[in-house]
């Protein structure tokens, strides 16, 4: 059974980070979750110049592609979350508990602290991508390279799944947008691909 991961608003609001997370989910390398509250928070974090129609389309596509990802619950659940005070913390923690999540991808320190109290792992986007690359290297690399070709470069998907130059470019992006752990793993895979 794939690891169960709540994607925080900061992940869903950053286009390329969202692309990476969803590409890995499309290939079944983890099971994503979010809630209406997380979607509302992501909407607030999107660039103000993004038109309402584009926002609505984005969120409709999330729902279409991952209908099982949305977590809902009765309002009384928020009263049941122990040791959490801040509404953002209690909401994300509630989503994690109701989804039986193994982890939540977040950059928010207060949310990470509240997750520690209920034994759900808080992962930064870098730690999340590193985990998936480490746990399922070949499928994760294939998913990421296919996504980069189709979405970022708008090429067909006929190139080699072990493209060292594209892996190096993805590593360069990861070092700036995610962090050193995932970038180092991508670098190592690029080096290995050059030797094959």
Protein backbone atom coordinates (compact mmCIF):
# COMPACT_ATOMS: atom_id res chain seq x y z
CA UNK A 1 0.00 0.00 0.00
CA UNK A 2 1.47 3.38 -0.95
CA UNK A 3 2.41 5.89 1.71
CA UNK A 4 -0.44 8.30 2.55
CA UNK A 5 0.57 11.96 2.31
CA UNK A 6 -1.35 15.19 2.90
CA UNK A 7 -0.17 17.93 0.54
CA UNK A 8 -0.12 21.30 2.26
CA UNK A 9 -1.36 24.50 0.64
CA UNK A 10 2.20 25.68 0.01
CA UNK A 11 2.77 22.63 -2.22
CA UNK A 12 -0.47 23.04 -4.17
CA UNK A 13 0.13 26.77 -4.70
CA UNK A 14 3.64 26.43 -6.19
CA UNK A 15 3.18 25.34 -9.83
CA UNK A 16 6.34 23.30 -10.40
CA UNK A 17 6.37 21.79 -6.91
CA UNK A 18 2.71 20.85 -7.47
CA UNK A 19 3.64 19.31 -10.85
CA UNK A 20 6.31 17.16 -9.19
CA UNK A 21 4.02 16.05 -6.37
CA UNK A 22 1.14 15.19 -8.68
CA UNK A 23 3.34 13.38 -11.23
CA UNK A 24 4.51 11.06 -8.45
CA UNK A 25 0.89 10.55 -7.31
CA UNK A 26 -0.31 9.81 -10.86
CA UNK A 27 2.07 6.87 -10.98
CA UNK A 28 0.79 5.57 -7.63
CA UNK A 29 4.03 6.21 -5.75
CA UNK A 30 2.05 7.68 -2.86
CA UNK A 31 -1.59 8.49 -2.11
CA UNK A 32 -2.31 12.24 -1.91
CA UNK A 33 -4.82 13.94 0.38
CA UNK A 34 -6.08 17.49 0.94
CA UNK A 35 -9.25 19.20 2.15
CA UNK A 36 -11.47 22.11 1.21
CA UNK A 37 -9.61 24.18 3.81
CA UNK A 38 -6.25 23.35 2.25
CA UNK A 39 -7.64 24.24 -1.19
CA UNK A 40 -8.90 27.60 0.17
CA UNK A 41 -5.46 28.27 1.67
CA UNK A 42 -3.76 27.28 -1.61
CA UNK A 43 -6.11 29.65 -3.47
CA UNK A 44 -5.01 32.50 -1.18
CA UNK A 45 -1.35 31.70 -1.91
CA UNK A 46 -1.67 31.67 -5.70
CA UNK A 47 -0.38 34.78 -7.52
CA UNK A 48 -2.94 37.59 -7.25
CA UNK A 49 -2.82 38.15 -11.01
CA UNK A 50 -4.01 34.57 -11.69
CA UNK A 51 -7.56 34.84 -13.11
CA UNK A 52 -10.46 33.28 -11.19
CA UNK A 53 -11.25 31.02 -14.17
CA UNK A 54 -7.70 29.60 -14.12
CA UNK A 55 -7.92 29.00 -10.37
CA UNK A 56 -11.27 27.24 -10.69
CA UNK A 57 -9.90 25.11 -13.54
CA UNK A 58 -6.84 24.13 -11.47
CA UNK A 59 -8.93 23.01 -8.51
CA UNK A 60 -11.45 21.21 -10.74
CA UNK A 61 -8.57 19.33 -12.38
CA UNK A 62 -7.22 18.31 -8.96
CA UNK A 63 -10.65 16.93 -8.09
CA UNK A 64 -10.99 15.18 -11.44
CA UNK A 65 -7.54 13.58 -11.34
CA UNK A 66 -7.65 12.59 -7.66
CA UNK A 67 -11.28 12.23 -6.53
CA UNK A 68 -10.26 10.14 -3.49
CA UNK A 69 -7.86 12.83 -2.24
CA UNK A 70 -10.45 15.15 -0.68
CA UNK A 71 -10.87 14.61 3.07
CA UNK A 72 -14.13 15.80 4.65
CA UNK A 73 -15.46 15.45 8.17
CA UNK A 74 -18.06 16.79 10.58
CA UNK A 75 -17.18 20.05 12.36
CA UNK A 76 -16.99 18.27 15.72
CA UNK A 77 -13.73 16.63 14.70
CA UNK A 78 -11.81 19.86 15.26
CA UNK A 79 -12.71 19.65 18.95
CA UNK A 80 -11.20 16.16 19.09
CA UNK A 81 -7.71 17.07 17.89
CA UNK A 82 -5.53 17.07 21.01
CA UNK A 83 -2.91 19.63 21.95
CA UNK A 84 -3.54 21.94 19.02
CA UNK A 85 -4.66 25.54 19.35
CA UNK A 86 -4.08 27.48 16.11
CA UNK A 87 -6.86 26.95 13.50
CA UNK A 88 -4.39 26.24 10.67
CA UNK A 89 -2.58 23.69 12.79
CA UNK A 90 -5.79 22.03 13.92
CA UNK A 91 -7.16 21.88 10.37
CA UNK A 92 -4.10 20.29 8.77
CA UNK A 93 -3.66 17.96 11.75
CA UNK A 94 -7.32 16.92 11.46
CA UNK A 95 -6.88 16.17 7.76
CA UNK A 96 -3.79 14.07 8.53
CA UNK A 97 -5.54 12.09 11.26
CA UNK A 98 -8.72 11.50 9.26
CA UNK A 99 -6.73 10.41 6.19
CA UNK A 100 -4.60 8.10 8.35
CA UNK A 101 -1.69 9.92 6.75
CA UNK A 102 1.89 8.87 7.26
CA UNK A 103 3.14 12.39 6.54
CA UNK A 104 2.18 15.96 5.67
CA UNK A 105 4.21 18.01 3.21
CA UNK A 106 4.55 21.47 4.75
CA UNK A 107 7.05 24.26 5.22
CA UNK A 108 5.12 25.74 8.14
CA UNK A 109 7.01 25.16 11.39
CA UNK A 110 3.93 25.50 13.62
CA UNK A 111 2.08 22.85 11.59
CA UNK A 112 5.13 20.58 11.73
CA UNK A 113 5.23 20.97 15.53
CA UNK A 114 1.55 20.06 15.87
CA UNK A 115 2.03 16.98 13.67
CA UNK A 116 4.84 15.78 15.91
CA UNK A 117 2.36 15.77 18.80
CA UNK A 118 0.10 13.28 17.00
CA UNK A 119 2.83 11.08 15.48
CA UNK A 120 2.41 12.19 11.85
CA UNK A 121 5.66 13.01 10.08
CA UNK A 122 6.06 16.56 8.81
CA UNK A 123 8.06 16.60 5.58
CA UNK A 124 9.40 19.58 3.72
CA UNK A 125 8.92 19.34 -0.06
CA UNK A 126 12.62 18.40 -0.27
CA UNK A 127 12.23 15.58 2.26
CA UNK A 128 9.08 14.35 0.49
CA UNK A 129 10.68 14.14 -2.96
CA UNK A 130 13.81 12.60 -1.42
CA UNK A 131 11.67 9.94 0.28
CA UNK A 132 9.87 8.99 -2.93
CA UNK A 133 13.11 8.95 -4.96
CA UNK A 134 14.77 6.80 -2.32
CA UNK A 135 11.84 4.41 -1.83
CA UNK A 136 11.01 3.87 -5.51
CA UNK A 137 13.92 5.22 -7.58
CA UNK A 138 13.17 3.85 -11.06
CA UNK A 139 9.40 4.56 -11.06
CA UNK A 140 9.94 7.99 -9.48
CA UNK A 141 12.58 8.95 -12.06
CA UNK A 142 10.36 7.79 -14.90
CA UNK A 143 7.40 9.77 -13.53
CA UNK A 144 9.46 12.92 -13.05
CA UNK A 145 11.17 12.80 -16.44
CA UNK A 146 7.87 12.11 -18.21
CA UNK A 147 6.29 15.07 -16.40
CA UNK A 148 9.22 17.40 -17.21
CA UNK A 149 9.08 16.46 -20.89
CA UNK A 150 5.32 16.85 -21.20
CA UNK A 151 4.57 19.80 -18.90
CA UNK A 152 7.74 21.86 -18.63
CA UNK A 153 9.39 21.25 -21.99
CA UNK A 154 6.23 20.30 -23.93
CA UNK A 155 8.02 17.48 -25.77
CA UNK A 156 6.78 14.03 -26.57
CA UNK A 157 7.64 11.26 -24.15
CA UNK A 158 9.70 9.15 -26.55
CA UNK A 159 13.14 10.00 -25.12
CA UNK A 160 15.02 7.62 -22.87
CA UNK A 161 13.72 7.31 -19.29
CA UNK A 162 17.37 7.54 -18.17
CA UNK A 163 18.22 10.87 -19.76
CA UNK A 164 21.26 12.12 -17.79
CA UNK A 165 21.11 15.66 -19.17
CA UNK A 166 17.46 16.07 -18.26
CA UNK A 167 18.11 14.58 -14.82
CA UNK A 168 20.92 17.11 -14.34
CA UNK A 169 18.57 19.96 -15.30
CA UNK A 170 15.92 18.63 -12.94
CA UNK A 171 18.55 18.44 -10.19
CA UNK A 172 19.52 22.07 -10.86
CA UNK A 173 15.86 23.09 -10.47
CA UNK A 174 15.43 20.93 -7.33
CA UNK A 175 18.48 22.49 -5.66
CA UNK A 176 16.89 25.94 -6.03
CA UNK A 177 13.21 25.09 -5.51
CA UNK A 178 13.25 22.12 -3.12
CA UNK A 179 16.61 21.66 -1.41
CA UNK A 180 19.88 19.75 -1.42
CA UNK A 181 18.67 16.24 -0.53
CA UNK A 182 16.47 15.65 -3.56
CA UNK A 183 18.94 17.52 -5.79
CA UNK A 184 21.82 15.29 -4.61
CA UNK A 185 19.79 12.15 -5.33
CA UNK A 186 18.91 13.41 -8.79
CA UNK A 187 22.58 14.25 -9.39
CA UNK A 188 23.56 10.73 -8.36
CA UNK A 189 21.00 9.24 -10.77
CA UNK A 190 22.25 11.52 -13.57
CA UNK A 191 25.82 10.36 -12.95
CA UNK A 192 24.71 6.71 -12.90
CA UNK A 193 22.74 7.18 -16.13
CA UNK A 194 25.85 8.60 -17.85
CA UNK A 195 27.79 5.48 -16.89
CA UNK A 196 25.20 3.04 -18.27
